Each structure stands twice: as structure tokens, then as C-alpha cells.
């Protein structure tokens, strides 16, 4: 067992993980092995961001060149930057981790010109962006970590222009909790699409199984704090199993609430 029995989720835990992951060739290799042909080379995801997900995001967002895409919980920026390049749009990444924002900004030049990407600290519930600022929104395996999911969806609706689409990934909610479609509808969205991500759990099982097999090397590259969190997360998942609820990709469209002319 690791020294703590709780996976660290404070901002400085994320800072430590982002800095460590940025400088760990082994961690990137383990992710690539676990994802196989679905691994999007160059993106270096720290989420279940696959070619399947990126392809569906391109099709769902339907953004015109020069539009604004906001990535909520952007982490080190890979998925949003890849989409910004693919769609010829401007990217604004939001994350509460100062390290994530710093690293994402450093990576931006590998994808787009300097005027097409910026990164800011903020939360799901308080992005700091103006009303109807974004033409499209993205959140990959991130928004479910909000302490107030309904408030996060309301904020997403506020900053998204009417008719704009929000692509996010999340698990189905427990039976005794409001579903994502129900919460999204209450926040001002119409639910356009819900797709099961059938590869999600097998990927995480393979990845988690690879951590203890490479524990010593990961500790050497990541440092104790980041490695302990990874090992504990894997230990818990392998012992208890992943949640039975289906992993999904959702496409939400911001309802046009303006009065008819």
C-alpha cells in the first residue's frame, strides 16, 4: 500500500502531476501502449482522449475557421490544441492548475500560431469569461470533478453562444442522482447526442495494470508525490473495479433563449 489512502486532488497535487507528466517519457509510453491504435500521437493526453473522441468532437462542434473554442479543465492542453489546429479556430483553455496553464501555453506553438491559443486559470463554476463568449466548448474527463456540477453546467451555458455545442465526456450518473441530460436541460442545453465510449474502461484497466509493473521507474521519473497518487489511484481501481456506469460522450447544444424577433 502507498503511504496515504486518499488520492490527492488539491491544486498543488495537480501541479505536481502536470510537471511530472510533462517530463516522463515512460508515462507517455504506458499511455500509448494502453490505448494502442487509439492513442493520438502528439496530444499526450492525461484523459481518455482517443482518435475516436477527437473525430466525434470535430463532427459535433461544427466550428467555422476563426471561431472560439473553450476547453474547460484543459490540463496540459493537448486535446484542445489538436482541435484548434484541425478546425482552424482560436482556443481558450481554462484550468485551476497553474502548472497546467503554464505547460499548455508552452506547448501551444507546436500546434498553432501564437495568436490562436491562450490559457487562463479559472474553475468550472467561475471561468471569468464574458457571456456568450464561446462558439464551442470542450471538456474531456474533467467536468465531472466539479464540486457543483449543476453550477458548472450553468456557467458553460452562460459563456456559450446560443446554438453553440458543448462536447463533454462523463459517466452515467447513479440512479439516485440527476442524469447529465437532466442537469444539462435545466442549465439551458438541448441534448443532441449521447454515445457510449465502449473502449474507455478497457483502456483504464490496461493502464492501471501497467503502473505497479513499472513502479520503480515511474517513481524515478515522476517523483514520490506524483507517483504515489498514480499508484494509489491504480491500486484502488484494480482492487474495487471501475464503476459499472457507462462512460459516455455527450453533445449538448445551447438553447436559443433570445425572444423571437
C-alpha atoms as a PDB file:
ATOM      1  CA  UNK A   1       0.000   0.000   0.000  1.00  0.00           C
ATOM      2  CA  UNK A   2       1.012   3.595  -0.522  1.00  0.00           C
ATOM      3  CA  UNK A   3       1.522   5.847   2.491  1.00  0.00           C
ATOM      4  CA  UNK A   4      -1.832   7.636   2.125  1.00  0.00           C
ATOM      5  CA  UNK A   5      -5.181   6.014   1.393  1.00  0.00           C
ATOM      6  CA  UNK A   6      -6.622   9.078  -0.337  1.00  0.00           C
ATOM      7  CA  UNK A   7      -5.759  10.228  -3.840  1.00  0.00           C
ATOM      8  CA  UNK A   8      -4.643  13.865  -3.665  1.00  0.00           C
ATOM      9  CA  UNK A   9      -6.894  16.273  -5.562  1.00  0.00           C
ATOM     10  CA  UNK A  10      -5.683  19.664  -4.290  1.00  0.00           C
ATOM     11  CA  UNK A  11      -4.390  22.188  -6.840  1.00  0.00           C
ATOM     12  CA  UNK A  12      -0.790  21.525  -5.827  1.00  0.00           C
ATOM     13  CA  UNK A  13      -1.337  17.778  -6.350  1.00  0.00           C
ATOM     14  CA  UNK A  14      -2.384  18.534  -9.917  1.00  0.00           C
ATOM     15  CA  UNK A  15       0.535  20.940 -10.313  1.00  0.00           C
ATOM     16  CA  UNK A  16       2.946  18.197  -9.248  1.00  0.00           C
ATOM     17  CA  UNK A  17       1.338  15.684 -11.608  1.00  0.00           C
ATOM     18  CA  UNK A  18       1.353  18.015 -14.624  1.00  0.00           C
ATOM     19  CA  UNK A  19       5.018  18.939 -14.138  1.00  0.00           C
ATOM     20  CA  UNK A  20       5.943  15.291 -13.663  1.00  0.00           C
ATOM     21  CA  UNK A  21       3.949  14.047 -16.638  1.00  0.00           C
ATOM     22  CA  UNK A  22       5.479  16.665 -18.894  1.00  0.00           C
ATOM     23  CA  UNK A  23       8.922  15.212 -18.189  1.00  0.00           C
ATOM     24  CA  UNK A  24       8.168  11.479 -18.112  1.00  0.00           C
ATOM     25  CA  UNK A  25       8.765   9.585 -21.367  1.00  0.00           C
ATOM     26  CA  UNK A  26       7.788   6.358 -19.604  1.00  0.00           C
ATOM     27  CA  UNK A  27       4.360   7.662 -18.609  1.00  0.00           C
ATOM     28  CA  UNK A  28       3.652   8.699 -22.210  1.00  0.00           C
ATOM     29  CA  UNK A  29       4.810   5.266 -23.374  1.00  0.00           C
ATOM     30  CA  UNK A  30       2.485   3.480 -20.931  1.00  0.00           C
ATOM     31  CA  UNK A  31      -0.472   5.561 -22.087  1.00  0.00           C
ATOM     32  CA  UNK A  32       0.360   4.803 -25.715  1.00  0.00           C
ATOM     33  CA  UNK A  33       0.584   1.069 -25.010  1.00  0.00           C
ATOM     34  CA  UNK A  34      -2.711   1.068 -23.116  1.00  0.00           C
ATOM     35  CA  UNK A  35      -4.562   2.968 -25.860  1.00  0.00           C
ATOM     36  CA  UNK A  36      -2.971   1.142 -28.770  1.00  0.00           C
ATOM     37  CA  UNK A  37      -4.106   2.369 -32.184  1.00  0.00           C
ATOM     38  CA  UNK A  38      -6.443   4.859 -30.494  1.00  0.00           C
ATOM     39  CA  UNK A  39      -3.536   6.833 -28.994  1.00  0.00           C
ATOM     40  CA  UNK A  40      -3.396  10.305 -30.623  1.00  0.00           C
ATOM     41  CA  UNK A  41       0.314  10.849 -31.060  1.00  0.00           C
ATOM     42  CA  UNK A  42       1.438  14.353 -30.107  1.00  0.00           C
ATOM     43  CA  UNK A  43      -1.629  15.096 -27.992  1.00  0.00           C
ATOM     44  CA  UNK A  44      -0.109  13.396 -24.918  1.00  0.00           C
ATOM     45  CA  UNK A  45      -3.478  13.099 -23.180  1.00  0.00           C
ATOM     46  CA  UNK A  46      -3.907  12.682 -19.449  1.00  0.00           C
ATOM     47  CA  UNK A  47      -7.509  11.653 -20.042  1.00  0.00           C
ATOM     48  CA  UNK A  48      -9.248   9.088 -22.223  1.00  0.00           C
ATOM     49  CA  UNK A  49      -8.761  11.283 -25.289  1.00  0.00           C
ATOM     50  CA  UNK A  50      -8.609   8.934 -28.271  1.00  0.00           C
ATOM     51  CA  UNK A  51      -8.866   9.217 -32.053  1.00  0.00           C
ATOM     52  CA  UNK A  52     -12.491   8.123 -31.611  1.00  0.00           C
ATOM     53  CA  UNK A  53     -13.183  11.043 -29.288  1.00  0.00           C
ATOM     54  CA  UNK A  54     -11.340  13.626 -31.387  1.00  0.00           C
ATOM     55  CA  UNK A  55     -13.166  12.523 -34.528  1.00  0.00           C
ATOM     56  CA  UNK A  56     -16.556  12.832 -32.870  1.00  0.00           C
ATOM     57  CA  UNK A  57     -15.598  16.227 -31.414  1.00  0.00           C
ATOM     58  CA  UNK A  58     -14.680  17.559 -34.868  1.00  0.00           C
ATOM     59  CA  UNK A  59     -18.009  16.362 -36.283  1.00  0.00           C
ATOM     60  CA  UNK A  60     -20.087  17.601 -33.352  1.00  0.00           C
ATOM     61  CA  UNK A  61     -18.608  21.063 -32.785  1.00  0.00           C
ATOM     62  CA  UNK A  62     -19.127  22.208 -36.403  1.00  0.00           C
ATOM     63  CA  UNK A  63     -16.982  25.295 -35.889  1.00  0.00           C
ATOM     64  CA  UNK A  64     -16.059  27.723 -38.641  1.00  0.00           C
ATOM     65  CA  UNK A  65     -12.460  28.909 -39.071  1.00  0.00           C
ATOM     66  CA  UNK A  66     -11.670  31.703 -36.632  1.00  0.00           C
ATOM     67  CA  UNK A  67     -14.365  30.665 -34.133  1.00  0.00           C
ATOM     68  CA  UNK A  68     -13.637  30.463 -30.382  1.00  0.00           C
ATOM     69  CA  UNK A  69     -13.311  27.063 -28.708  1.00  0.00           C
ATOM     70  CA  UNK A  70     -13.090  26.953 -24.907  1.00  0.00           C
ATOM     71  CA  UNK A  71     -11.601  23.856 -23.257  1.00  0.00           C
ATOM     72  CA  UNK A  72     -12.861  23.508 -19.679  1.00  0.00           C
ATOM     73  CA  UNK A  73     -10.389  21.637 -17.482  1.00  0.00           C
ATOM     74  CA  UNK A  74      -7.833  21.811 -20.278  1.00  0.00           C
ATOM     75  CA  UNK A  75      -4.939  20.286 -18.352  1.00  0.00           C
ATOM     76  CA  UNK A  76      -1.733  20.440 -20.397  1.00  0.00           C
ATOM     77  CA  UNK A  77      -3.762  21.493 -23.416  1.00  0.00           C
ATOM     78  CA  UNK A  78      -3.331  18.609 -25.857  1.00  0.00           C
ATOM     79  CA  UNK A  79      -6.930  17.829 -26.936  1.00  0.00           C
ATOM     80  CA  UNK A  80      -7.951  21.485 -27.257  1.00  0.00           C
ATOM     81  CA  UNK A  81      -4.782  22.409 -29.137  1.00  0.00           C
ATOM     82  CA  UNK A  82      -5.226  19.497 -31.533  1.00  0.00           C
ATOM     83  CA  UNK A  83      -8.801  20.604 -32.252  1.00  0.00           C
ATOM     84  CA  UNK A  84      -7.732  24.237 -32.651  1.00  0.00           C
ATOM     85  CA  UNK A  85      -5.283  23.149 -35.332  1.00  0.00           C
ATOM     86  CA  UNK A  86      -7.698  20.738 -37.022  1.00  0.00           C
ATOM     87  CA  UNK A  87     -10.576  23.227 -37.126  1.00  0.00           C
ATOM     88  CA  UNK A  88      -8.554  26.438 -37.658  1.00  0.00           C
ATOM     89  CA  UNK A  89     -10.146  28.023 -34.599  1.00  0.00           C
ATOM     90  CA  UNK A  90      -8.939  30.032 -31.607  1.00  0.00           C
ATOM     91  CA  UNK A  91      -8.539  28.179 -28.317  1.00  0.00           C
ATOM     92  CA  UNK A  92      -9.031  29.429 -24.775  1.00  0.00           C
ATOM     93  CA  UNK A  93      -8.088  26.842 -22.161  1.00  0.00           C
ATOM     94  CA  UNK A  94      -9.341  27.078 -18.567  1.00  0.00           C
ATOM     95  CA  UNK A  95      -7.872  25.088 -15.678  1.00  0.00           C
ATOM     96  CA  UNK A  96      -7.456  25.617 -11.941  1.00  0.00           C
ATOM     97  CA  UNK A  97      -3.883  24.296 -12.013  1.00  0.00           C
ATOM     98  CA  UNK A  98      -1.237  26.966 -12.523  1.00  0.00           C
ATOM     99  CA  UNK A  99       1.185  24.305 -13.763  1.00  0.00           C
ATOM    100  CA  UNK A 100      -1.294  23.068 -16.362  1.00  0.00           C
ATOM    101  CA  UNK A 101      -1.781  26.581 -17.724  1.00  0.00           C
ATOM    102  CA  UNK A 102       1.968  27.204 -17.863  1.00  0.00           C
ATOM    103  CA  UNK A 103       2.711  23.936 -19.664  1.00  0.00           C
ATOM    104  CA  UNK A 104      -0.206  24.269 -22.077  1.00  0.00           C
ATOM    105  CA  UNK A 105       0.997  27.732 -23.099  1.00  0.00           C
ATOM    106  CA  UNK A 106       4.482  26.335 -23.720  1.00  0.00           C
ATOM    107  CA  UNK A 107       3.058  23.557 -25.908  1.00  0.00           C
ATOM    108  CA  UNK A 108       0.827  25.831 -27.987  1.00  0.00           C
ATOM    109  CA  UNK A 109       3.499  26.699 -30.562  1.00  0.00           C
ATOM    110  CA  UNK A 110       3.681  23.021 -31.536  1.00  0.00           C
ATOM    111  CA  UNK A 111       0.080  23.225 -32.780  1.00  0.00           C
ATOM    112  CA  UNK A 112      -0.958  26.761 -33.724  1.00  0.00           C
ATOM    113  CA  UNK A 113       0.384  30.277 -34.260  1.00  0.00           C
ATOM    114  CA  UNK A 114       0.823  32.405 -31.099  1.00  0.00           C
ATOM    115  CA  UNK A 115      -2.354  34.431 -31.667  1.00  0.00           C
ATOM    116  CA  UNK A 116      -4.605  31.377 -31.724  1.00  0.00           C
ATOM    117  CA  UNK A 117      -4.281  29.945 -28.208  1.00  0.00           C
ATOM    118  CA  UNK A 118      -4.352  31.316 -24.680  1.00  0.00           C
ATOM    119  CA  UNK A 119      -4.731  29.702 -21.276  1.00  0.00           C
ATOM    120  CA  UNK A 120      -6.212  31.111 -18.085  1.00  0.00           C
ATOM    121  CA  UNK A 121      -6.716  29.973 -14.523  1.00  0.00           C
ATOM    122  CA  UNK A 122     -10.333  29.516 -13.557  1.00  0.00           C
ATOM    123  CA  UNK A 123     -12.832  26.958 -12.343  1.00  0.00           C
ATOM    124  CA  UNK A 124     -15.748  25.161 -13.956  1.00  0.00           C
ATOM    125  CA  UNK A 125     -18.129  27.301 -11.933  1.00  0.00           C
ATOM    126  CA  UNK A 126     -16.280  30.599 -12.472  1.00  0.00           C
ATOM    127  CA  UNK A 127     -14.403  30.746 -15.770  1.00  0.00           C
ATOM    128  CA  UNK A 128     -14.039  34.535 -15.809  1.00  0.00           C
ATOM    129  CA  UNK A 129     -15.212  34.667 -19.435  1.00  0.00           C
ATOM    130  CA  UNK A 130     -17.918  37.030 -20.769  1.00  0.00           C
ATOM    131  CA  UNK A 131     -21.465  35.985 -21.614  1.00  0.00           C
ATOM    132  CA  UNK A 132     -21.844  34.141 -24.941  1.00  0.00           C
ATOM    133  CA  UNK A 133     -18.083  34.308 -25.489  1.00  0.00           C
ATOM    134  CA  UNK A 134     -17.511  30.825 -26.908  1.00  0.00           C
ATOM    135  CA  UNK A 135     -18.694  29.309 -30.174  1.00  0.00           C
ATOM    136  CA  UNK A 136     -17.957  25.807 -28.887  1.00  0.00           C
ATOM    137  CA  UNK A 137     -16.993  24.102 -25.633  1.00  0.00           C
ATOM    138  CA  UNK A 138     -14.954  21.002 -24.827  1.00  0.00           C
ATOM    139  CA  UNK A 139     -14.352  19.106 -21.590  1.00  0.00           C
ATOM    140  CA  UNK A 140     -12.622  15.721 -21.656  1.00  0.00           C
ATOM    141  CA  UNK A 141     -12.937  13.638 -18.464  1.00  0.00           C
ATOM    142  CA  UNK A 142     -12.848  16.846 -16.432  1.00  0.00           C
ATOM    143  CA  UNK A 143     -16.223  18.462 -15.693  1.00  0.00           C
ATOM    144  CA  UNK A 144     -17.436  15.524 -13.533  1.00  0.00           C
ATOM    145  CA  UNK A 145     -14.773  16.591 -11.000  1.00  0.00           C
ATOM    146  CA  UNK A 146     -16.614  19.849 -10.375  1.00  0.00           C
ATOM    147  CA  UNK A 147     -17.856  20.094  -6.771  1.00  0.00           C
ATOM    148  CA  UNK A 148     -21.108  21.591  -8.133  1.00  0.00           C
ATOM    149  CA  UNK A 149     -21.946  20.035 -11.483  1.00  0.00           C
ATOM    150  CA  UNK A 150     -25.171  21.944 -11.944  1.00  0.00           C
ATOM    151  CA  UNK A 151     -23.353  25.252 -11.369  1.00  0.00           C
ATOM    152  CA  UNK A 152     -20.642  24.140 -13.828  1.00  0.00           C
ATOM    153  CA  UNK A 153     -23.256  23.431 -16.499  1.00  0.00           C
ATOM    154  CA  UNK A 154     -24.934  26.782 -15.879  1.00  0.00           C
ATOM    155  CA  UNK A 155     -21.579  28.524 -16.313  1.00  0.00           C
ATOM    156  CA  UNK A 156     -20.969  26.581 -19.521  1.00  0.00           C
ATOM    157  CA  UNK A 157     -24.360  27.667 -20.816  1.00  0.00           C
ATOM    158  CA  UNK A 158     -23.662  31.287 -19.870  1.00  0.00           C
ATOM    159  CA  UNK A 159     -20.370  31.546 -21.773  1.00  0.00           C
ATOM    160  CA  UNK A 160     -21.574  29.628 -24.851  1.00  0.00           C
ATOM    161  CA  UNK A 161     -23.291  31.463 -27.690  1.00  0.00           C
ATOM    162  CA  UNK A 162     -26.860  30.337 -28.496  1.00  0.00           C
ATOM    163  CA  UNK A 163     -26.717  27.434 -30.916  1.00  0.00           C
ATOM    164  CA  UNK A 164     -23.148  26.558 -29.892  1.00  0.00           C
ATOM    165  CA  UNK A 165     -22.273  22.995 -28.949  1.00  0.00           C
ATOM    166  CA  UNK A 166     -20.595  21.519 -25.897  1.00  0.00           C
ATOM    167  CA  UNK A 167     -18.755  18.190 -26.221  1.00  0.00           C
ATOM    168  CA  UNK A 168     -18.020  16.522 -22.891  1.00  0.00           C
ATOM    169  CA  UNK A 169     -17.229  13.094 -21.545  1.00  0.00           C
ATOM    170  CA  UNK A 170     -18.675  11.679 -18.341  1.00  0.00           C
ATOM    171  CA  UNK A 171     -20.044   8.522 -16.815  1.00  0.00           C
ATOM    172  CA  UNK A 172     -23.748   7.947 -16.401  1.00  0.00           C
ATOM    173  CA  UNK A 173     -24.937   9.258 -13.069  1.00  0.00           C
ATOM    174  CA  UNK A 174     -26.082   6.921 -10.265  1.00  0.00           C
ATOM    175  CA  UNK A 175     -29.810   6.210 -10.199  1.00  0.00           C
ATOM    176  CA  UNK A 176     -30.356   8.455  -7.172  1.00  0.00           C
ATOM    177  CA  UNK A 177     -28.655  11.475  -8.791  1.00  0.00           C
ATOM    178  CA  UNK A 178     -29.887  13.670 -11.635  1.00  0.00           C
ATOM    179  CA  UNK A 179     -28.665  12.431 -15.004  1.00  0.00           C
ATOM    180  CA  UNK A 180     -26.362  14.501 -17.188  1.00  0.00           C
ATOM    181  CA  UNK A 181     -29.146  15.055 -19.750  1.00  0.00           C
ATOM    182  CA  UNK A 182     -31.498  16.206 -16.970  1.00  0.00           C
ATOM    183  CA  UNK A 183     -28.920  18.599 -15.499  1.00  0.00           C
ATOM    184  CA  UNK A 184     -27.947  19.887 -18.936  1.00  0.00           C
ATOM    185  CA  UNK A 185     -31.545  20.570 -19.889  1.00  0.00           C
ATOM    186  CA  UNK A 186     -32.089  22.527 -16.677  1.00  0.00           C
ATOM    187  CA  UNK A 187     -28.950  24.589 -17.438  1.00  0.00           C
ATOM    188  CA  UNK A 188     -30.200  25.705 -20.856  1.00  0.00           C
ATOM    189  CA  UNK A 189     -28.987  22.961 -23.191  1.00  0.00           C
ATOM    190  CA  UNK A 190     -30.687  20.594 -25.582  1.00  0.00           C
ATOM    191  CA  UNK A 191     -29.121  17.129 -25.673  1.00  0.00           C
ATOM    192  CA  UNK A 192     -28.214  16.321 -29.276  1.00  0.00           C
ATOM    193  CA  UNK A 193     -26.296  13.085 -28.812  1.00  0.00           C
ATOM    194  CA  UNK A 194     -25.221  10.577 -26.188  1.00  0.00           C
ATOM    195  CA  UNK A 195     -22.716   7.932 -27.304  1.00  0.00           C
ATOM    196  CA  UNK A 196     -21.290   5.080 -25.207  1.00  0.00           C
ATOM    197  CA  UNK A 197     -17.487   5.060 -25.078  1.00  0.00           C
ATOM    198  CA  UNK A 198     -17.058   1.301 -25.196  1.00  0.00           C
ATOM    199  CA  UNK A 199     -13.227   1.357 -25.138  1.00  0.00           C
ATOM    200  CA  UNK A 200     -12.947   3.613 -22.085  1.00  0.00           C
ATOM    201  CA  UNK A 201     -12.815   1.063 -19.274  1.00  0.00           C
ATOM    202  CA  UNK A 202     -10.566  -1.460 -21.020  1.00  0.00           C
ATOM    203  CA  UNK A 203      -8.065   1.334 -21.614  1.00  0.00           C
ATOM    204  CA  UNK A 204      -8.019   2.318 -17.947  1.00  0.00           C
ATOM    205  CA  UNK A 205      -7.684  -1.308 -16.803  1.00  0.00           C
ATOM    206  CA  UNK A 206      -4.639  -1.806 -19.038  1.00  0.00           C
ATOM    207  CA  UNK A 207      -3.109   1.490 -17.916  1.00  0.00           C
ATOM    208  CA  UNK A 208      -3.661   0.863 -14.203  1.00  0.00           C
ATOM    209  CA  UNK A 209      -2.212  -2.644 -14.513  1.00  0.00           C
ATOM    210  CA  UNK A 210       0.955  -1.173 -16.055  1.00  0.00           C
ATOM    211  CA  UNK A 211       1.684   1.162 -13.127  1.00  0.00           C
ATOM    212  CA  UNK A 212       2.712  -1.407 -10.482  1.00  0.00           C
ATOM    213  CA  UNK A 213       4.700  -3.290 -13.134  1.00  0.00           C
ATOM    214  CA  UNK A 214       6.765  -0.130 -13.702  1.00  0.00           C
ATOM    215  CA  UNK A 215       6.628   1.323 -10.191  1.00  0.00           C
ATOM    216  CA  UNK A 216      10.345   1.866  -9.622  1.00  0.00           C
ATOM    217  CA  UNK A 217      10.916   3.552 -12.981  1.00  0.00           C
ATOM    218  CA  UNK A 218       7.830   5.742 -12.581  1.00  0.00           C
ATOM    219  CA  UNK A 219       8.960   6.878  -9.144  1.00  0.00           C
ATOM    220  CA  UNK A 220      12.350   7.790 -10.562  1.00  0.00           C
ATOM    221  CA  UNK A 221      10.805   9.897 -13.350  1.00  0.00           C
ATOM    222  CA  UNK A 222       7.779  11.370 -11.589  1.00  0.00           C
ATOM    223  CA  UNK A 223       8.968  11.873  -8.024  1.00  0.00           C
ATOM    224  CA  UNK A 224       7.301  10.493  -4.911  1.00  0.00           C
ATOM    225  CA  UNK A 225       4.281  12.791  -4.719  1.00  0.00           C
ATOM    226  CA  UNK A 226       3.005  12.316  -8.268  1.00  0.00           C
ATOM    227  CA  UNK A 227       3.958   8.627  -8.324  1.00  0.00           C
ATOM    228  CA  UNK A 228       2.176   7.940  -5.025  1.00  0.00           C
ATOM    229  CA  UNK A 229      -1.034   9.427  -6.388  1.00  0.00           C
ATOM    230  CA  UNK A 230      -0.801   7.367  -9.580  1.00  0.00           C
ATOM    231  CA  UNK A 231      -0.076   4.160  -7.685  1.00  0.00           C
ATOM    232  CA  UNK A 232      -2.891   4.711  -5.212  1.00  0.00           C
ATOM    233  CA  UNK A 233      -5.407   5.504  -7.955  1.00  0.00           C
ATOM    234  CA  UNK A 234      -4.418   2.297  -9.773  1.00  0.00           C
ATOM    235  CA  UNK A 235      -4.443   0.267  -6.552  1.00  0.00           C
ATOM    236  CA  UNK A 236      -7.979   1.363  -5.689  1.00  0.00           C
ATOM    237  CA  UNK A 237      -9.282   0.809  -9.217  1.00  0.00           C
ATOM    238  CA  UNK A 238      -7.728  -2.652  -9.542  1.00  0.00           C
ATOM    239  CA  UNK A 239      -8.983  -3.716  -6.105  1.00  0.00           C
ATOM    240  CA  UNK A 240     -12.506  -2.326  -6.301  1.00  0.00           C
ATOM    241  CA  UNK A 241     -13.035  -2.342 -10.055  1.00  0.00           C
ATOM    242  CA  UNK A 242     -14.149   0.573 -12.200  1.00  0.00           C
ATOM    243  CA  UNK A 243     -17.665   1.993 -11.796  1.00  0.00           C
ATOM    244  CA  UNK A 244     -20.321  -0.052 -13.612  1.00  0.00           C
ATOM    245  CA  UNK A 245     -21.939   3.060 -15.066  1.00  0.00           C
ATOM    246  CA  UNK A 246     -21.328   3.583 -18.782  1.00  0.00           C
ATOM    247  CA  UNK A 247     -18.685   6.077 -19.937  1.00  0.00           C
ATOM    248  CA  UNK A 248     -20.260   8.421 -22.466  1.00  0.00           C
ATOM    249  CA  UNK A 249     -19.628  11.246 -24.891  1.00  0.00           C
ATOM    250  CA  UNK A 250     -22.376  13.875 -24.801  1.00  0.00           C
ATOM    251  CA  UNK A 251     -23.105  16.632 -27.291  1.00  0.00           C
ATOM    252  CA  UNK A 252     -25.151  19.492 -25.843  1.00  0.00           C
ATOM    253  CA  UNK A 253     -26.466  22.442 -27.819  1.00  0.00           C
ATOM    254  CA  UNK A 254     -27.037  25.785 -26.131  1.00  0.00           C
ATOM    255  CA  UNK A 255     -30.693  26.651 -26.365  1.00  0.00           C
ATOM    256  CA  UNK A 256     -31.522  29.949 -28.062  1.00  0.00           C
ATOM    257  CA  UNK A 257     -33.241  31.771 -25.237  1.00  0.00           C
ATOM    258  CA  UNK A 258     -33.460  35.103 -27.016  1.00  0.00           C
ATOM    259  CA  UNK A 259     -37.048  36.294 -27.656  1.00  0.00           C
ATOM    260  CA  UNK A 260     -38.325  35.909 -31.189  1.00  0.00           C
ATOM    261  CA  UNK A 261     -37.938  38.997 -33.373  1.00  0.00           C
END
